[in-house]
PDB file of all heavy atoms in Angstrom:
ATOM      1  N   GLN A   1      13.734 -18.552 -13.924  1.00  0.00           N
ATOM      2  CA  GLN A   1      13.698 -17.265 -13.242  1.00  0.00           C
ATOM      3  C   GLN A   1      15.013 -16.983 -12.530  1.00  0.00           C
ATOM      4  O   GLN A   1      15.073 -16.208 -11.606  1.00  0.00           O
ATOM      5  CB  GLN A   1      12.549 -17.240 -12.236  1.00  0.00           C
ATOM      6  CG  GLN A   1      11.176 -17.334 -12.883  1.00  0.00           C
ATOM      7  CD  GLN A   1      10.083 -17.422 -11.853  1.00  0.00           C
ATOM      8  OE1 GLN A   1      10.016 -18.357 -11.078  1.00  0.00           O
ATOM      9  NE2 GLN A   1       9.212 -16.437 -11.845  1.00  0.00           N
ATOM     10  N   LYS A   2      16.079 -17.588 -12.977  1.00  0.00           N
ATOM     11  CA  LYS A   2      17.393 -17.464 -12.356  1.00  0.00           C
ATOM     12  C   LYS A   2      17.797 -16.003 -12.215  1.00  0.00           C
ATOM     13  O   LYS A   2      17.693 -15.222 -13.139  1.00  0.00           O
ATOM     14  CB  LYS A   2      18.434 -18.211 -13.192  1.00  0.00           C
ATOM     15  CG  LYS A   2      19.824 -18.245 -12.565  1.00  0.00           C
ATOM     16  CD  LYS A   2      20.764 -19.057 -13.419  1.00  0.00           C
ATOM     17  CE  LYS A   2      22.149 -19.112 -12.790  1.00  0.00           C
ATOM     18  NZ  LYS A   2      23.098 -19.889 -13.594  1.00  0.00           N
ATOM     19  N   GLY A   3      18.288 -15.668 -11.037  1.00  0.00           N
ATOM     20  CA  GLY A   3      18.771 -14.321 -10.797  1.00  0.00           C
ATOM     21  C   GLY A   3      17.709 -13.379 -10.262  1.00  0.00           C
ATOM     22  O   GLY A   3      18.011 -12.288  -9.796  1.00  0.00           O
ATOM     23  N   ASN A   4      16.456 -13.801 -10.294  1.00  0.00           N
ATOM     24  CA  ASN A   4      15.379 -12.937  -9.825  1.00  0.00           C
ATOM     25  C   ASN A   4      15.283 -12.944  -8.306  1.00  0.00           C
ATOM     26  O   ASN A   4      15.641 -13.911  -7.642  1.00  0.00           O
ATOM     27  CB  ASN A   4      14.037 -13.379 -10.403  1.00  0.00           C
ATOM     28  CG  ASN A   4      13.914 -13.018 -11.871  1.00  0.00           C
ATOM     29  OD1 ASN A   4      14.770 -12.356 -12.426  1.00  0.00           O
ATOM     30  ND2 ASN A   4      12.840 -13.446 -12.481  1.00  0.00           N
ATOM     31  N   LYS A   5      14.768 -11.844  -7.789  1.00  0.00           N
ATOM     32  CA  LYS A   5      14.406 -11.756  -6.382  1.00  0.00           C
ATOM     33  C   LYS A   5      12.904 -11.624  -6.354  1.00  0.00           C
ATOM     34  O   LYS A   5      12.339 -10.717  -6.947  1.00  0.00           O
ATOM     35  CB  LYS A   5      15.105 -10.577  -5.719  1.00  0.00           C
ATOM     36  CG  LYS A   5      16.615 -10.756  -5.672  1.00  0.00           C
ATOM     37  CD  LYS A   5      17.311  -9.694  -4.843  1.00  0.00           C
ATOM     38  CE  LYS A   5      18.801  -9.997  -4.744  1.00  0.00           C
ATOM     39  NZ  LYS A   5      19.504  -9.018  -3.886  1.00  0.00           N
ATOM     40  N   ILE A   6      12.247 -12.548  -5.666  1.00  0.00           N
ATOM     41  CA  ILE A   6      10.801 -12.686  -5.788  1.00  0.00           C
ATOM     42  C   ILE A   6      10.105 -12.491  -4.448  1.00  0.00           C
ATOM     43  O   ILE A   6      10.554 -13.017  -3.428  1.00  0.00           O
ATOM     44  CB  ILE A   6      10.456 -14.080  -6.352  1.00  0.00           C
ATOM     45  CG1 ILE A   6      11.066 -14.230  -7.750  1.00  0.00           C
ATOM     46  CG2 ILE A   6       8.947 -14.306  -6.389  1.00  0.00           C
ATOM     47  CD1 ILE A   6      10.955 -15.620  -8.311  1.00  0.00           C
ATOM     48  N   VAL A   7       9.023 -11.727  -4.480  1.00  0.00           N
ATOM     49  CA  VAL A   7       8.147 -11.627  -3.320  1.00  0.00           C
ATOM     50  C   VAL A   7       7.219 -12.836  -3.380  1.00  0.00           C
ATOM     51  O   VAL A   7       6.434 -12.991  -4.308  1.00  0.00           O
ATOM     52  CB  VAL A   7       7.329 -10.320  -3.341  1.00  0.00           C
ATOM     53  CG1 VAL A   7       6.367 -10.275  -2.156  1.00  0.00           C
ATOM     54  CG2 VAL A   7       8.263  -9.105  -3.316  1.00  0.00           C
ATOM     55  N   MET A   8       7.334 -13.722  -2.391  1.00  0.00           N
ATOM     56  CA  MET A   8       6.659 -15.013  -2.448  1.00  0.00           C
ATOM     57  C   MET A   8       5.194 -14.937  -2.023  1.00  0.00           C
ATOM     58  O   MET A   8       4.328 -15.521  -2.654  1.00  0.00           O
ATOM     59  CB  MET A   8       7.395 -16.010  -1.544  1.00  0.00           C
ATOM     60  CG  MET A   8       8.850 -16.253  -1.948  1.00  0.00           C
ATOM     61  SD  MET A   8       9.005 -17.080  -3.548  1.00  0.00           S
ATOM     62  CE  MET A   8       8.336 -18.694  -3.150  1.00  0.00           C
ATOM     63  N   SER A   9       4.918 -14.254  -0.938  1.00  0.00           N
ATOM     64  CA  SER A   9       3.539 -14.202  -0.434  1.00  0.00           C
ATOM     65  C   SER A   9       3.321 -12.924   0.356  1.00  0.00           C
ATOM     66  O   SER A   9       4.268 -12.205   0.686  1.00  0.00           O
ATOM     67  CB  SER A   9       3.235 -15.427   0.439  1.00  0.00           C
ATOM     68  OG  SER A   9       4.128 -15.493   1.532  1.00  0.00           O
ATOM     69  N   ASP A  10       2.073 -12.638   0.664  1.00  0.00           N
ATOM     70  CA  ASP A  10       1.735 -11.426   1.401  1.00  0.00           C
ATOM     71  C   ASP A  10       2.328 -11.456   2.804  1.00  0.00           C
ATOM     72  O   ASP A  10       2.389 -12.505   3.458  1.00  0.00           O
ATOM     73  CB  ASP A  10       0.216 -11.273   1.516  1.00  0.00           C
ATOM     74  CG  ASP A  10      -0.434 -10.979   0.169  1.00  0.00           C
ATOM     75  OD1 ASP A  10       0.284 -10.499  -0.741  1.00  0.00           O
ATOM     76  OD2 ASP A  10      -1.638 -11.223   0.026  1.00  0.00           O
ATOM     77  N   LEU A  11       2.728 -10.273   3.274  1.00  0.00           N
ATOM     78  CA  LEU A  11       3.229 -10.146   4.633  1.00  0.00           C
ATOM     79  C   LEU A  11       2.057 -10.239   5.621  1.00  0.00           C
ATOM     80  O   LEU A  11       0.908 -10.022   5.244  1.00  0.00           O
ATOM     81  CB  LEU A  11       3.940  -8.803   4.793  1.00  0.00           C
ATOM     82  CG  LEU A  11       5.266  -8.655   4.032  1.00  0.00           C
ATOM     83  CD1 LEU A  11       5.685  -7.197   3.968  1.00  0.00           C
ATOM     84  CD2 LEU A  11       6.355  -9.495   4.701  1.00  0.00           C
ATOM     85  N   PRO A  12       2.338 -10.563   6.871  1.00  0.00           N
ATOM     86  CA  PRO A  12       1.261 -10.603   7.871  1.00  0.00           C
ATOM     87  C   PRO A  12       0.497  -9.280   7.906  1.00  0.00           C
ATOM     88  O   PRO A  12       1.080  -8.212   7.673  1.00  0.00           O
ATOM     89  CB  PRO A  12       2.018 -10.844   9.181  1.00  0.00           C
ATOM     90  CG  PRO A  12       3.281 -11.529   8.767  1.00  0.00           C
ATOM     91  CD  PRO A  12       3.645 -10.945   7.442  1.00  0.00           C
ATOM     92  N   SER A  13      -0.783  -9.342   8.195  1.00  0.00           N
ATOM     93  CA  SER A  13      -1.641  -8.153   8.166  1.00  0.00           C
ATOM     94  C   SER A  13      -1.231  -7.095   9.190  1.00  0.00           C
ATOM     95  O   SER A  13      -1.574  -5.921   9.049  1.00  0.00           O
ATOM     96  CB  SER A  13      -3.100  -8.560   8.404  1.00  0.00           C
ATOM     97  OG  SER A  13      -3.229  -9.229   9.651  1.00  0.00           O
ATOM     98  N   CYS A  14      -0.475  -7.498  10.213  1.00  0.00           N
ATOM     99  CA  CYS A  14      -0.048  -6.544  11.243  1.00  0.00           C
ATOM    100  C   CYS A  14       1.113  -5.656  10.783  1.00  0.00           C
ATOM    101  O   CYS A  14       1.452  -4.667  11.445  1.00  0.00           O
ATOM    102  CB  CYS A  14       0.337  -7.276  12.523  1.00  0.00           C
ATOM    103  SG  CYS A  14       1.701  -8.434  12.316  1.00  0.00           S
ATOM    104  N   ILE A  15       1.729  -5.993   9.641  1.00  0.00           N
ATOM    105  CA  ILE A  15       2.834  -5.192   9.115  1.00  0.00           C
ATOM    106  C   ILE A  15       2.287  -3.896   8.520  1.00  0.00           C
ATOM    107  O   ILE A  15       1.371  -3.918   7.699  1.00  0.00           O
ATOM    108  CB  ILE A  15       3.619  -5.974   8.036  1.00  0.00           C
ATOM    109  CG1 ILE A  15       4.343  -7.160   8.668  1.00  0.00           C
ATOM    110  CG2 ILE A  15       4.615  -5.085   7.304  1.00  0.00           C
ATOM    111  CD1 ILE A  15       5.466  -6.777   9.595  1.00  0.00           C
ATOM    112  N   THR A  16       2.860  -2.773   8.939  1.00  0.00           N
ATOM    113  CA  THR A  16       2.425  -1.482   8.416  1.00  0.00           C
ATOM    114  C   THR A  16       3.041  -1.231   7.045  1.00  0.00           C
ATOM    115  O   THR A  16       4.012  -1.894   6.649  1.00  0.00           O
ATOM    116  CB  THR A  16       2.837  -0.339   9.360  1.00  0.00           C
ATOM    117  OG1 THR A  16       4.287  -0.250   9.381  1.00  0.00           O
ATOM    118  CG2 THR A  16       2.335  -0.585  10.768  1.00  0.00           C
ATOM    119  N   ASP A  17       2.500  -0.243   6.328  1.00  0.00           N
ATOM    120  CA  ASP A  17       3.058   0.104   5.022  1.00  0.00           C
ATOM    121  C   ASP A  17       4.500   0.568   5.158  1.00  0.00           C
ATOM    122  O   ASP A  17       5.344   0.265   4.306  1.00  0.00           O
ATOM    123  CB  ASP A  17       2.219   1.208   4.360  1.00  0.00           C
ATOM    124  CG  ASP A  17       0.863   0.699   3.898  1.00  0.00           C
ATOM    125  OD1 ASP A  17       0.679  -0.531   3.837  1.00  0.00           O
ATOM    126  OD2 ASP A  17      -0.015   1.533   3.595  1.00  0.00           O
ATOM    127  N   ALA A  18       4.796   1.313   6.214  1.00  0.00           N
ATOM    128  CA  ALA A  18       6.160   1.798   6.436  1.00  0.00           C
ATOM    129  C   ALA A  18       7.119   0.628   6.660  1.00  0.00           C
ATOM    130  O   ALA A  18       8.244   0.620   6.134  1.00  0.00           O
ATOM    131  CB  ALA A  18       6.192   2.748   7.634  1.00  0.00           C
ATOM    132  N   GLU A  19       6.688  -0.371   7.430  1.00  0.00           N
ATOM    133  CA  GLU A  19       7.534  -1.541   7.675  1.00  0.00           C
ATOM    134  C   GLU A  19       7.724  -2.349   6.398  1.00  0.00           C
ATOM    135  O   GLU A  19       8.833  -2.839   6.126  1.00  0.00           O
ATOM    136  CB  GLU A  19       6.905  -2.410   8.763  1.00  0.00           C
ATOM    137  CG  GLU A  19       6.971  -1.794  10.150  1.00  0.00           C
ATOM    138  CD  GLU A  19       6.142  -2.545  11.171  1.00  0.00           C
ATOM    139  OE1 GLU A  19       5.161  -3.222  10.773  1.00  0.00           O
ATOM    140  OE2 GLU A  19       6.471  -2.480  12.370  1.00  0.00           O
ATOM    141  N   ALA A  20       6.649  -2.477   5.614  1.00  0.00           N
ATOM    142  CA  ALA A  20       6.753  -3.210   4.343  1.00  0.00           C
ATOM    143  C   ALA A  20       7.754  -2.526   3.418  1.00  0.00           C
ATOM    144  O   ALA A  20       8.535  -3.193   2.727  1.00  0.00           O
ATOM    145  CB  ALA A  20       5.380  -3.289   3.677  1.00  0.00           C
ATOM    146  N   GLY A  21       7.744  -1.206   3.406  1.00  0.00           N
ATOM    147  CA  GLY A  21       8.696  -0.467   2.583  1.00  0.00           C
ATOM    148  C   GLY A  21      10.128  -0.714   3.017  1.00  0.00           C
ATOM    149  O   GLY A  21      11.025  -0.873   2.173  1.00  0.00           O
ATOM    150  N   LYS A  22      10.361  -0.762   4.303  1.00  0.00           N
ATOM    151  CA  LYS A  22      11.712  -1.030   4.820  1.00  0.00           C
ATOM    152  C   LYS A  22      12.160  -2.437   4.431  1.00  0.00           C
ATOM    153  O   LYS A  22      13.319  -2.660   4.056  1.00  0.00           O
ATOM    154  CB  LYS A  22      11.741  -0.859   6.344  1.00  0.00           C
ATOM    155  CG  LYS A  22      11.587   0.572   6.825  1.00  0.00           C
ATOM    156  CD  LYS A  22      11.656   0.639   8.350  1.00  0.00           C
ATOM    157  CE  LYS A  22      11.587   2.070   8.856  1.00  0.00           C
ATOM    158  NZ  LYS A  22      10.276   2.691   8.625  1.00  0.00           N
ATOM    159  N   LEU A  23      11.251  -3.400   4.530  1.00  0.00           N
ATOM    160  CA  LEU A  23      11.593  -4.780   4.168  1.00  0.00           C
ATOM    161  C   LEU A  23      11.936  -4.889   2.688  1.00  0.00           C
ATOM    162  O   LEU A  23      12.901  -5.575   2.312  1.00  0.00           O
ATOM    163  CB  LEU A  23      10.424  -5.706   4.508  1.00  0.00           C
ATOM    164  CG  LEU A  23      10.179  -5.947   5.997  1.00  0.00           C
ATOM    165  CD1 LEU A  23       8.859  -6.666   6.217  1.00  0.00           C
ATOM    166  CD2 LEU A  23      11.328  -6.748   6.611  1.00  0.00           C
ATOM    167  N   LEU A  24      11.171  -4.246   1.848  1.00  0.00           N
ATOM    168  CA  LEU A  24      11.448  -4.288   0.408  1.00  0.00           C
ATOM    169  C   LEU A  24      12.787  -3.633   0.085  1.00  0.00           C
ATOM    170  O   LEU A  24      13.514  -4.081  -0.797  1.00  0.00           O
ATOM    171  CB  LEU A  24      10.319  -3.598  -0.368  1.00  0.00           C
ATOM    172  CG  LEU A  24       9.018  -4.403  -0.481  1.00  0.00           C
ATOM    173  CD1 LEU A  24       7.909  -3.541  -1.079  1.00  0.00           C
ATOM    174  CD2 LEU A  24       9.226  -5.653  -1.340  1.00  0.00           C
ATOM    175  N   ARG A  25      13.119  -2.567   0.804  1.00  0.00           N
ATOM    176  CA  ARG A  25      14.412  -1.906   0.577  1.00  0.00           C
ATOM    177  C   ARG A  25      15.556  -2.843   0.967  1.00  0.00           C
ATOM    178  O   ARG A  25      16.555  -2.962   0.247  1.00  0.00           O
ATOM    179  CB  ARG A  25      14.483  -0.613   1.389  1.00  0.00           C
ATOM    180  CG  ARG A  25      15.759   0.192   1.118  1.00  0.00           C
ATOM    181  CD  ARG A  25      15.795   1.465   1.938  1.00  0.00           C
ATOM    182  NE  ARG A  25      14.694   2.359   1.591  1.00  0.00           N
ATOM    183  CZ  ARG A  25      14.500   3.533   2.193  1.00  0.00           C
ATOM    184  NH1 ARG A  25      15.302   3.929   3.167  1.00  0.00           N
ATOM    185  NH2 ARG A  25      13.493   4.302   1.821  1.00  0.00           N
ATOM    186  N   LEU A  26      15.398  -3.532   2.085  1.00  0.00           N
ATOM    187  CA  LEU A  26      16.438  -4.464   2.530  1.00  0.00           C
ATOM    188  C   LEU A  26      16.558  -5.670   1.610  1.00  0.00           C
ATOM    189  O   LEU A  26      17.651  -6.204   1.404  1.00  0.00           O
ATOM    190  CB  LEU A  26      16.141  -4.942   3.954  1.00  0.00           C
ATOM    191  CG  LEU A  26      16.394  -3.961   5.091  1.00  0.00           C
ATOM    192  CD1 LEU A  26      15.959  -4.571   6.414  1.00  0.00           C
ATOM    193  CD2 LEU A  26      17.864  -3.569   5.142  1.00  0.00           C
ATOM    194  N   PHE A  27      15.428  -6.099   1.065  1.00  0.00           N
ATOM    195  CA  PHE A  27      15.406  -7.296   0.222  1.00  0.00           C
ATOM    196  C   PHE A  27      16.343  -7.171  -0.976  1.00  0.00           C
ATOM    197  O   PHE A  27      16.853  -8.165  -1.487  1.00  0.00           O
ATOM    198  CB  PHE A  27      13.977  -7.565  -0.237  1.00  0.00           C
ATOM    199  CG  PHE A  27      13.808  -8.823  -1.051  1.00  0.00           C
ATOM    200  CD1 PHE A  27      14.409 -10.005  -0.669  1.00  0.00           C
ATOM    201  CD2 PHE A  27      13.038  -8.822  -2.201  1.00  0.00           C
ATOM    202  CE1 PHE A  27      14.254 -11.161  -1.408  1.00  0.00           C
ATOM    203  CE2 PHE A  27      12.874  -9.971  -2.959  1.00  0.00           C
ATOM    204  CZ  PHE A  27      13.482 -11.141  -2.558  1.00  0.00           C
ATOM    205  N   ARG A  28      16.605  -5.953  -1.422  1.00  0.00           N
ATOM    206  CA  ARG A  28      17.531  -5.730  -2.535  1.00  0.00           C
ATOM    207  C   ARG A  28      18.932  -6.216  -2.203  1.00  0.00           C
ATOM    208  O   ARG A  28      19.741  -6.462  -3.093  1.00  0.00           O
ATOM    209  CB  ARG A  28      17.589  -4.236  -2.873  1.00  0.00           C
ATOM    210  CG  ARG A  28      16.295  -3.639  -3.386  1.00  0.00           C
ATOM    211  CD  ARG A  28      16.409  -2.120  -3.489  1.00  0.00           C
ATOM    212  NE  ARG A  28      17.604  -1.728  -4.204  1.00  0.00           N
ATOM    213  CZ  ARG A  28      18.272  -0.593  -3.974  1.00  0.00           C
ATOM    214  NH1 ARG A  28      17.883   0.226  -3.025  1.00  0.00           N
ATOM    215  NH2 ARG A  28      19.342  -0.312  -4.682  1.00  0.00           N
ATOM    216  N   TYR A  29      19.235  -6.377  -0.920  1.00  0.00           N
ATOM    217  CA  TYR A  29      20.598  -6.716  -0.490  1.00  0.00           C
ATOM    218  C   TYR A  29      20.739  -8.181  -0.076  1.00  0.00           C
ATOM    219  O   TYR A  29      21.724  -8.537   0.568  1.00  0.00           O
ATOM    220  CB  TYR A  29      21.006  -5.812   0.682  1.00  0.00           C
ATOM    221  CG  TYR A  29      21.065  -4.348   0.321  1.00  0.00           C
ATOM    222  CD1 TYR A  29      19.944  -3.537   0.437  1.00  0.00           C
ATOM    223  CD2 TYR A  29      22.240  -3.766  -0.153  1.00  0.00           C
ATOM    224  CE1 TYR A  29      19.974  -2.194   0.096  1.00  0.00           C
ATOM    225  CE2 TYR A  29      22.288  -2.424  -0.495  1.00  0.00           C
ATOM    226  CZ  TYR A  29      21.152  -1.642  -0.369  1.00  0.00           C
ATOM    227  OH  TYR A  29      21.200  -0.307  -0.709  1.00  0.00           O
ATOM    228  N   THR A  30      19.779  -9.017  -0.447  1.00  0.00           N
ATOM    229  CA  THR A  30      19.867 -10.431  -0.084  1.00  0.00           C
ATOM    230  C   THR A  30      20.726 -11.207  -1.080  1.00  0.00           C
ATOM    231  O   THR A  30      20.652 -10.983  -2.281  1.00  0.00           O
ATOM    232  CB  THR A  30      18.468 -11.081  -0.017  1.00  0.00           C
ATOM    233  OG1 THR A  30      17.729 -10.732  -1.190  1.00  0.00           O
ATOM    234  CG2 THR A  30      17.719 -10.628   1.209  1.00  0.00           C
ATOM    235  N   ALA A  31      21.532 -12.115  -0.558  1.00  0.00           N
ATOM    236  CA  ALA A  31      22.395 -12.951  -1.401  1.00  0.00           C
ATOM    237  C   ALA A  31      21.601 -14.125  -1.950  1.00  0.00           C
ATOM    238  O   ALA A  31      20.789 -14.720  -1.240  1.00  0.00           O
ATOM    239  CB  ALA A  31      23.579 -13.457  -0.589  1.00  0.00           C
ATOM    240  N   PRO A  32      21.818 -14.486  -3.232  1.00  0.00           N
ATOM    241  CA  PRO A  32      21.076 -15.591  -3.857  1.00  0.00           C
ATOM    242  C   PRO A  32      21.216 -16.903  -3.089  1.00  0.00           C
ATOM    243  O   PRO A  32      22.304 -17.267  -2.649  1.00  0.00           O
ATOM    244  CB  PRO A  32      21.717 -15.693  -5.249  1.00  0.00           C
ATOM    245  CG  PRO A  32      22.280 -14.342  -5.509  1.00  0.00           C
ATOM    246  CD  PRO A  32      22.735 -13.835  -4.176  1.00  0.00           C
ATOM    247  N   ASN A  33      20.067 -17.575  -2.924  1.00  0.00           N
ATOM    248  CA  ASN A  33      19.962 -18.910  -2.335  1.00  0.00           C
ATOM    249  C   ASN A  33      20.212 -18.987  -0.824  1.00  0.00           C
ATOM    250  O   ASN A  33      19.910 -20.005  -0.209  1.00  0.00           O
ATOM    251  CB  ASN A  33      20.880 -19.917  -3.041  1.00  0.00           C
ATOM    252  CG  ASN A  33      20.553 -20.041  -4.516  1.00  0.00           C
ATOM    253  OD1 ASN A  33      19.389 -20.071  -4.900  1.00  0.00           O
ATOM    254  ND2 ASN A  33      21.576 -20.087  -5.355  1.00  0.00           N
ATOM    255  N   SER A  34      20.764 -17.923  -0.231  1.00  0.00           N
ATOM    256  CA  SER A  34      20.946 -17.933   1.221  1.00  0.00           C
ATOM    257  C   SER A  34      19.989 -16.968   1.913  1.00  0.00           C
ATOM    258  O   SER A  34      19.718 -17.109   3.096  1.00  0.00           O
ATOM    259  CB  SER A  34      22.387 -17.575   1.591  1.00  0.00           C
ATOM    260  OG  SER A  34      22.629 -16.198   1.354  1.00  0.00           O
ATOM    261  N   ASN A  35      19.470 -15.972   1.150  1.00  0.00           N
ATOM    262  CA  ASN A  35      18.599 -14.935   1.717  1.00  0.00           C
ATOM    263  C   ASN A  35      19.289 -14.149   2.825  1.00  0.00           C
ATOM    264  O   ASN A  35      18.640 -13.551   3.681  1.00  0.00           O
ATOM    265  CB  ASN A  35      17.288 -15.523   2.221  1.00  0.00           C
ATOM    266  CG  ASN A  35      16.161 -15.384   1.199  1.00  0.00           C
ATOM    267  OD1 ASN A  35      16.413 -15.189   0.007  1.00  0.00           O
ATOM    268  ND2 ASN A  35      14.934 -15.499   1.654  1.00  0.00           N
ATOM    269  N   LEU A  36      20.599 -14.165   2.824  1.00  0.00           N
ATOM    270  CA  LEU A  36      21.398 -13.436   3.802  1.00  0.00           C
ATOM    271  C   LEU A  36      21.524 -11.975   3.386  1.00  0.00           C
ATOM    272  O   LEU A  36      21.777 -11.675   2.221  1.00  0.00           O
ATOM    273  CB  LEU A  36      22.785 -14.071   3.899  1.00  0.00           C
ATOM    274  CG  LEU A  36      23.821 -13.350   4.765  1.00  0.00           C
ATOM    275  CD1 LEU A  36      23.430 -13.444   6.239  1.00  0.00           C
ATOM    276  CD2 LEU A  36      25.206 -13.957   4.538  1.00  0.00           C
ATOM    277  N   LEU A  37      21.356 -11.063   4.341  1.00  0.00           N
ATOM    278  CA  LEU A  37      21.538  -9.644   4.053  1.00  0.00           C
ATOM    279  C   LEU A  37      23.031  -9.345   3.969  1.00  0.00           C
ATOM    280  O   LEU A  37      23.783  -9.586   4.921  1.00  0.00           O
ATOM    281  CB  LEU A  37      20.901  -8.792   5.152  1.00  0.00           C
ATOM    282  CG  LEU A  37      19.390  -8.629   5.065  1.00  0.00           C
ATOM    283  CD1 LEU A  37      18.859  -7.941   6.321  1.00  0.00           C
ATOM    284  CD2 LEU A  37      19.013  -7.816   3.834  1.00  0.00           C
TER     285      LEU A  37
END
């Protein structure tokens, strides 16, 4: 699965849909193997 960006598990139940959307948008900018934005 080299090069993939993977959602590993469900977010905490307290996270709103709007917050989840923001996190997914940011996740596109993470560097491989460091998870650094």
